[in-house]
Amino acid sequence: MQFVPLKSRGGNYLVVASNIAWLRTAENGQTQVGIVGGSPLVVSGTIEETAAAIQAG
């Protein structure tokens, strides 16, 4: 299982990479991360920055 660290303004997340379903631009330079079987997370950074963090994770 591969965990990906994602930063958020309210606290940081460690997300299982295979559970990430989609990315969507959110307000104020943030990104929504869709989680399989769960609610989306709002993380800091653009879609491109978040995608790069997931791929590097």
PDB file of N, CA and C in Angstrom:
ATOM      1  N   MET A   1       0.842  -1.160   0.000  1.00  0.00           N
ATOM      2  CA  MET A   1       0.000   0.000   0.000  1.00  0.00           C
ATOM      3  C   MET A   1       0.896   1.234   0.000  1.00  0.00           C
ATOM      4  N   GLN A   2       0.658   2.147  -0.933  1.00  0.00           N
ATOM      5  CA  GLN A   2       1.464   3.356  -1.032  1.00  0.00           C
ATOM      6  C   GLN A   2       0.673   4.544  -0.500  1.00  0.00           C
ATOM      7  N   PHE A   3       1.227   5.231   0.504  1.00  0.00           N
ATOM      8  CA  PHE A   3       0.612   6.423   1.069  1.00  0.00           C
ATOM      9  C   PHE A   3       1.199   7.662   0.415  1.00  0.00           C
ATOM     10  N   VAL A   4       0.355   8.666   0.185  1.00  0.00           N
ATOM     11  CA  VAL A   4       0.782   9.935  -0.394  1.00  0.00           C
ATOM     12  C   VAL A   4       0.502  11.035   0.623  1.00  0.00           C
ATOM     13  N   PRO A   5       1.513  11.834   0.997  1.00  0.00           N
ATOM     14  CA  PRO A   5       1.262  12.958   1.908  1.00  0.00           C
ATOM     15  C   PRO A   5       0.678  14.143   1.139  1.00  0.00           C
ATOM     16  N   LEU A   6      -0.452  14.663   1.595  1.00  0.00           N
ATOM     17  CA  LEU A   6      -1.088  15.830   0.988  1.00  0.00           C
ATOM     18  C   LEU A   6      -1.284  16.886   2.062  1.00  0.00           C
ATOM     19  N   LYS A   7      -0.898  18.119   1.758  1.00  0.00           N
ATOM     20  CA  LYS A   7      -0.995  19.209   2.735  1.00  0.00           C
ATOM     21  C   LYS A   7      -2.326  19.922   2.609  1.00  0.00           C
ATOM     22  N   SER A   8      -2.865  20.315   3.746  1.00  0.00           N
ATOM     23  CA  SER A   8      -4.127  21.031   3.804  1.00  0.00           C
ATOM     24  C   SER A   8      -3.992  22.176   4.792  1.00  0.00           C
ATOM     25  N   ARG A   9      -4.820  23.178   4.640  1.00  0.00           N
ATOM     26  CA  ARG A   9      -4.781  24.314   5.575  1.00  0.00           C
ATOM     27  C   ARG A   9      -5.274  23.910   6.963  1.00  0.00           C
ATOM     28  N   GLY A  10      -6.145  22.912   7.034  1.00  0.00           N
ATOM     29  CA  GLY A  10      -6.695  22.488   8.313  1.00  0.00           C
ATOM     30  C   GLY A  10      -5.940  21.344   8.956  1.00  0.00           C
ATOM     31  N   GLY A  11      -4.972  20.779   8.261  1.00  0.00           N
ATOM     32  CA  GLY A  11      -4.213  19.630   8.746  1.00  0.00           C
ATOM     33  C   GLY A  11      -3.769  18.799   7.566  1.00  0.00           C
ATOM     34  N   ASN A  12      -2.771  18.008   7.735  1.00  0.00           N
ATOM     35  CA  ASN A  12      -2.221  17.222   6.630  1.00  0.00           C
ATOM     36  C   ASN A  12      -2.835  15.833   6.583  1.00  0.00           C
ATOM     37  N   TYR A  13      -2.798  15.213   5.401  1.00  0.00           N
ATOM     38  CA  TYR A  13      -3.372  13.887   5.185  1.00  0.00           C
ATOM     39  C   TYR A  13      -2.306  12.923   4.681  1.00  0.00           C
ATOM     40  N   LEU A  14      -2.452  11.663   5.017  1.00  0.00           N
ATOM     41  CA  LEU A  14      -1.744  10.564   4.371  1.00  0.00           C
ATOM     42  C   LEU A  14      -2.831   9.734   3.704  1.00  0.00           C
ATOM     43  N   VAL A  15      -2.829   9.719   2.371  1.00  0.00           N
ATOM     44  CA  VAL A  15      -3.896   9.087   1.600  1.00  0.00           C
ATOM     45  C   VAL A  15      -3.331   7.883   0.857  1.00  0.00           C
ATOM     46  N   VAL A  16      -4.075   6.793   0.820  1.00  0.00           N
ATOM     47  CA  VAL A  16      -3.668   5.628   0.032  1.00  0.00           C
ATOM     48  C   VAL A  16      -3.832   6.002  -1.440  1.00  0.00           C
ATOM     49  N   ALA A  17      -2.729   5.952  -2.181  1.00  0.00           N
ATOM     50  CA  ALA A  17      -2.716   6.423  -3.571  1.00  0.00           C
ATOM     51  C   ALA A  17      -3.749   5.710  -4.439  1.00  0.00           C
ATOM     52  N   SER A  18      -3.958   4.435  -4.247  1.00  0.00           N
ATOM     53  CA  SER A  18      -4.905   3.692  -5.085  1.00  0.00           C
ATOM     54  C   SER A  18      -6.361   4.050  -4.787  1.00  0.00           C
ATOM     55  N   ASN A  19      -6.623   4.797  -3.713  1.00  0.00           N
ATOM     56  CA  ASN A  19      -7.984   5.216  -3.377  1.00  0.00           C
ATOM     57  C   ASN A  19      -8.350   6.582  -3.942  1.00  0.00           C
ATOM     58  N   ILE A  20      -7.419   7.232  -4.637  1.00  0.00           N
ATOM     59  CA  ILE A  20      -7.702   8.540  -5.224  1.00  0.00           C
ATOM     60  C   ILE A  20      -8.391   8.325  -6.566  1.00  0.00           C
ATOM     61  N   ALA A  21      -9.598   8.906  -6.699  1.00  0.00           N
ATOM     62  CA  ALA A  21     -10.403   8.692  -7.900  1.00  0.00           C
ATOM     63  C   ALA A  21     -10.327   9.863  -8.875  1.00  0.00           C
ATOM     64  N   TRP A  22     -10.283  11.111  -8.375  1.00  0.00           N
ATOM     65  CA  TRP A  22     -10.302  12.271  -9.253  1.00  0.00           C
ATOM     66  C   TRP A  22      -9.752  13.492  -8.536  1.00  0.00           C
ATOM     67  N   LEU A  23      -9.420  14.525  -9.328  1.00  0.00           N
ATOM     68  CA  LEU A  23      -8.982  15.827  -8.815  1.00  0.00           C
ATOM     69  C   LEU A  23      -9.852  16.904  -9.443  1.00  0.00           C
ATOM     70  N   ARG A  24     -10.163  17.943  -8.668  1.00  0.00           N
ATOM     71  CA  ARG A  24     -10.974  19.055  -9.181  1.00  0.00           C
ATOM     72  C   ARG A  24     -10.482  20.356  -8.562  1.00  0.00           C
ATOM     73  N   THR A  25     -10.417  21.407  -9.366  1.00  0.00           N
ATOM     74  CA  THR A  25     -10.014  22.717  -8.860  1.00  0.00           C
ATOM     75  C   THR A  25     -11.052  23.222  -7.866  1.00  0.00           C
ATOM     76  N   ALA A  26     -10.583  23.730  -6.740  1.00  0.00           N
ATOM     77  CA  ALA A  26     -11.460  24.308  -5.716  1.00  0.00           C
ATOM     78  C   ALA A  26     -11.117  25.789  -5.557  1.00  0.00           C
ATOM     79  N   GLU A  27     -11.723  26.445  -4.595  1.00  0.00           N
ATOM     80  CA  GLU A  27     -11.507  27.872  -4.374  1.00  0.00           C
ATOM     81  C   GLU A  27     -10.155  28.153  -3.737  1.00  0.00           C
ATOM     82  N   ASN A  28      -9.683  29.377  -3.918  1.00  0.00           N
ATOM     83  CA  ASN A  28      -8.502  29.897  -3.235  1.00  0.00           C
ATOM     84  C   ASN A  28      -7.245  29.072  -3.462  1.00  0.00           C
ATOM     85  N   GLY A  29      -7.038  28.598  -4.686  1.00  0.00           N
ATOM     86  CA  GLY A  29      -5.821  27.852  -5.002  1.00  0.00           C
ATOM     87  C   GLY A  29      -5.738  26.485  -4.360  1.00  0.00           C
ATOM     88  N   GLN A  30      -6.889  25.903  -4.043  1.00  0.00           N
ATOM     89  CA  GLN A  30      -6.928  24.577  -3.438  1.00  0.00           C
ATOM     90  C   GLN A  30      -7.460  23.562  -4.450  1.00  0.00           C
ATOM     91  N   THR A  31      -7.345  22.293  -4.111  1.00  0.00           N
ATOM     92  CA  THR A  31      -7.802  21.206  -4.978  1.00  0.00           C
ATOM     93  C   THR A  31      -8.636  20.223  -4.176  1.00  0.00           C
ATOM     94  N   GLN A  32      -9.728  19.756  -4.770  1.00  0.00           N
ATOM     95  CA  GLN A  32     -10.513  18.681  -4.164  1.00  0.00           C
ATOM     96  C   GLN A  32      -9.960  17.358  -4.666  1.00  0.00           C
ATOM     97  N   VAL A  33      -9.777  16.420  -3.748  1.00  0.00           N
ATOM     98  CA  VAL A  33      -9.279  15.086  -4.082  1.00  0.00           C
ATOM     99  C   VAL A  33     -10.405  14.100  -3.786  1.00  0.00           C
ATOM    100  N   GLY A  34     -10.914  13.458  -4.836  1.00  0.00           N
ATOM    101  CA  GLY A  34     -11.978  12.476  -4.671  1.00  0.00           C
ATOM    102  C   GLY A  34     -11.420  11.161  -4.170  1.00  0.00           C
ATOM    103  N   ILE A  35     -12.042  10.631  -3.131  1.00  0.00           N
ATOM    104  CA  ILE A  35     -11.619   9.378  -2.507  1.00  0.00           C
ATOM    105  C   ILE A  35     -12.677   8.313  -2.785  1.00  0.00           C
ATOM    106  N   VAL A  36     -12.257   7.144  -3.254  1.00  0.00           N
ATOM    107  CA  VAL A  36     -13.168   6.038  -3.509  1.00  0.00           C
ATOM    108  C   VAL A  36     -13.891   5.675  -2.208  1.00  0.00           C
ATOM    109  N   GLY A  37     -15.214   5.708  -2.243  1.00  0.00           N
ATOM    110  CA  GLY A  37     -16.014   5.319  -1.085  1.00  0.00           C
ATOM    111  C   GLY A  37     -16.026   6.329   0.038  1.00  0.00           C
ATOM    112  N   GLY A  38     -15.602   7.571  -0.223  1.00  0.00           N
ATOM    113  CA  GLY A  38     -15.571   8.576   0.836  1.00  0.00           C
ATOM    114  C   GLY A  38     -15.832   9.972   0.308  1.00  0.00           C
ATOM    115  N   SER A  39     -15.796  10.930   1.194  1.00  0.00           N
ATOM    116  CA  SER A  39     -15.985  12.329   0.828  1.00  0.00           C
ATOM    117  C   SER A  39     -14.692  12.916   0.289  1.00  0.00           C
ATOM    118  N   PRO A  40     -14.785  13.910  -0.600  1.00  0.00           N
ATOM    119  CA  PRO A  40     -13.572  14.532  -1.127  1.00  0.00           C
ATOM    120  C   PRO A  40     -12.823  15.307  -0.049  1.00  0.00           C
ATOM    121  N   LEU A  41     -11.511  15.357  -0.202  1.00  0.00           N
ATOM    122  CA  LEU A  41     -10.651  16.146   0.680  1.00  0.00           C
ATOM    123  C   LEU A  41     -10.295  17.442  -0.035  1.00  0.00           C
ATOM    124  N   VAL A  42     -10.177  18.531   0.698  1.00  0.00           N
ATOM    125  CA  VAL A  42      -9.704  19.785   0.126  1.00  0.00           C
ATOM    126  C   VAL A  42      -8.269  19.969   0.594  1.00  0.00           C
ATOM    127  N   VAL A  43      -7.341  20.049  -0.361  1.00  0.00           N
ATOM    128  CA  VAL A  43      -5.925  20.162  -0.043  1.00  0.00           C
ATOM    129  C   VAL A  43      -5.361  21.440  -0.645  1.00  0.00           C
ATOM    130  N   SER A  44      -4.228  21.891  -0.123  1.00  0.00           N
ATOM    131  CA  SER A  44      -3.563  23.091  -0.613  1.00  0.00           C
ATOM    132  C   SER A  44      -2.852  22.809  -1.922  1.00  0.00           C
ATOM    133  N   GLY A  45      -2.859  23.790  -2.819  1.00  0.00           N
ATOM    134  CA  GLY A  45      -2.133  23.676  -4.077  1.00  0.00           C
ATOM    135  C   GLY A  45      -3.049  23.467  -5.264  1.00  0.00           C
ATOM    136  N   THR A  46      -2.497  23.722  -6.436  1.00  0.00           N
ATOM    137  CA  THR A  46      -3.246  23.573  -7.683  1.00  0.00           C
ATOM    138  C   THR A  46      -3.381  22.096  -8.045  1.00  0.00           C
ATOM    139  N   ILE A  47      -4.190  21.841  -9.059  1.00  0.00           N
ATOM    140  CA  ILE A  47      -4.342  20.468  -9.554  1.00  0.00           C
ATOM    141  C   ILE A  47      -2.989  19.916  -9.995  1.00  0.00           C
ATOM    142  N   GLU A  48      -2.210  20.731 -10.692  1.00  0.00           N
ATOM    143  CA  GLU A  48      -0.915  20.283 -11.192  1.00  0.00           C
ATOM    144  C   GLU A  48       0.033  19.930 -10.051  1.00  0.00           C
ATOM    145  N   GLU A  49       0.070  20.775  -9.011  1.00  0.00           N
ATOM    146  CA  GLU A  49       0.919  20.519  -7.851  1.00  0.00           C
ATOM    147  C   GLU A  49       0.483  19.250  -7.112  1.00  0.00           C
ATOM    148  N   THR A  50      -0.830  19.090  -6.973  1.00  0.00           N
ATOM    149  CA  THR A  50      -1.366  17.913  -6.282  1.00  0.00           C
ATOM    150  C   THR A  50      -1.094  16.648  -7.079  1.00  0.00           C
ATOM    151  N   ALA A  51      -1.297  16.703  -8.399  1.00  0.00           N
ATOM    152  CA  ALA A  51      -1.021  15.546  -9.245  1.00  0.00           C
ATOM    153  C   ALA A  51       0.450  15.162  -9.183  1.00  0.00           C
ATOM    154  N   ALA A  52       1.330  16.157  -9.184  1.00  0.00           N
ATOM    155  CA  ALA A  52       2.775  15.883  -9.083  1.00  0.00           C
ATOM    156  C   ALA A  52       3.111  15.235  -7.759  1.00  0.00           C
ATOM    157  N   ALA A  53       2.489  15.693  -6.663  1.00  0.00           N
ATOM    158  CA  ALA A  53       2.737  15.099  -5.341  1.00  0.00           C
ATOM    159  C   ALA A  53       2.259  13.650  -5.311  1.00  0.00           C
ATOM    160  N   ILE A  54       1.127  13.368  -5.948  1.00  0.00           N
ATOM    161  CA  ILE A  54       0.592  12.001  -5.979  1.00  0.00           C
ATOM    162  C   ILE A  54       1.507  11.095  -6.790  1.00  0.00           C
ATOM    163  N   GLN A  55       1.963  11.578  -7.941  1.00  0.00           N
ATOM    164  CA  GLN A  55       2.846  10.762  -8.777  1.00  0.00           C
ATOM    165  C   GLN A  55       4.204  10.539  -8.119  1.00  0.00           C
ATOM    166  N   ALA A  56       4.701  11.528  -7.397  1.00  0.00           N
ATOM    167  CA  ALA A  56       6.007  11.414  -6.741  1.00  0.00           C
ATOM    168  C   ALA A  56       5.907  10.580  -5.466  1.00  0.00           C
ATOM    169  N   GLY A  57       4.686  10.543  -4.879  1.00  0.00           N
ATOM    170  CA  GLY A  57       4.460   9.924  -3.591  1.00  0.00           C
ATOM    171  C   GLY A  57       4.895   8.507  -3.523  1.00  0.00           C
TER     172      GLY A  57
END
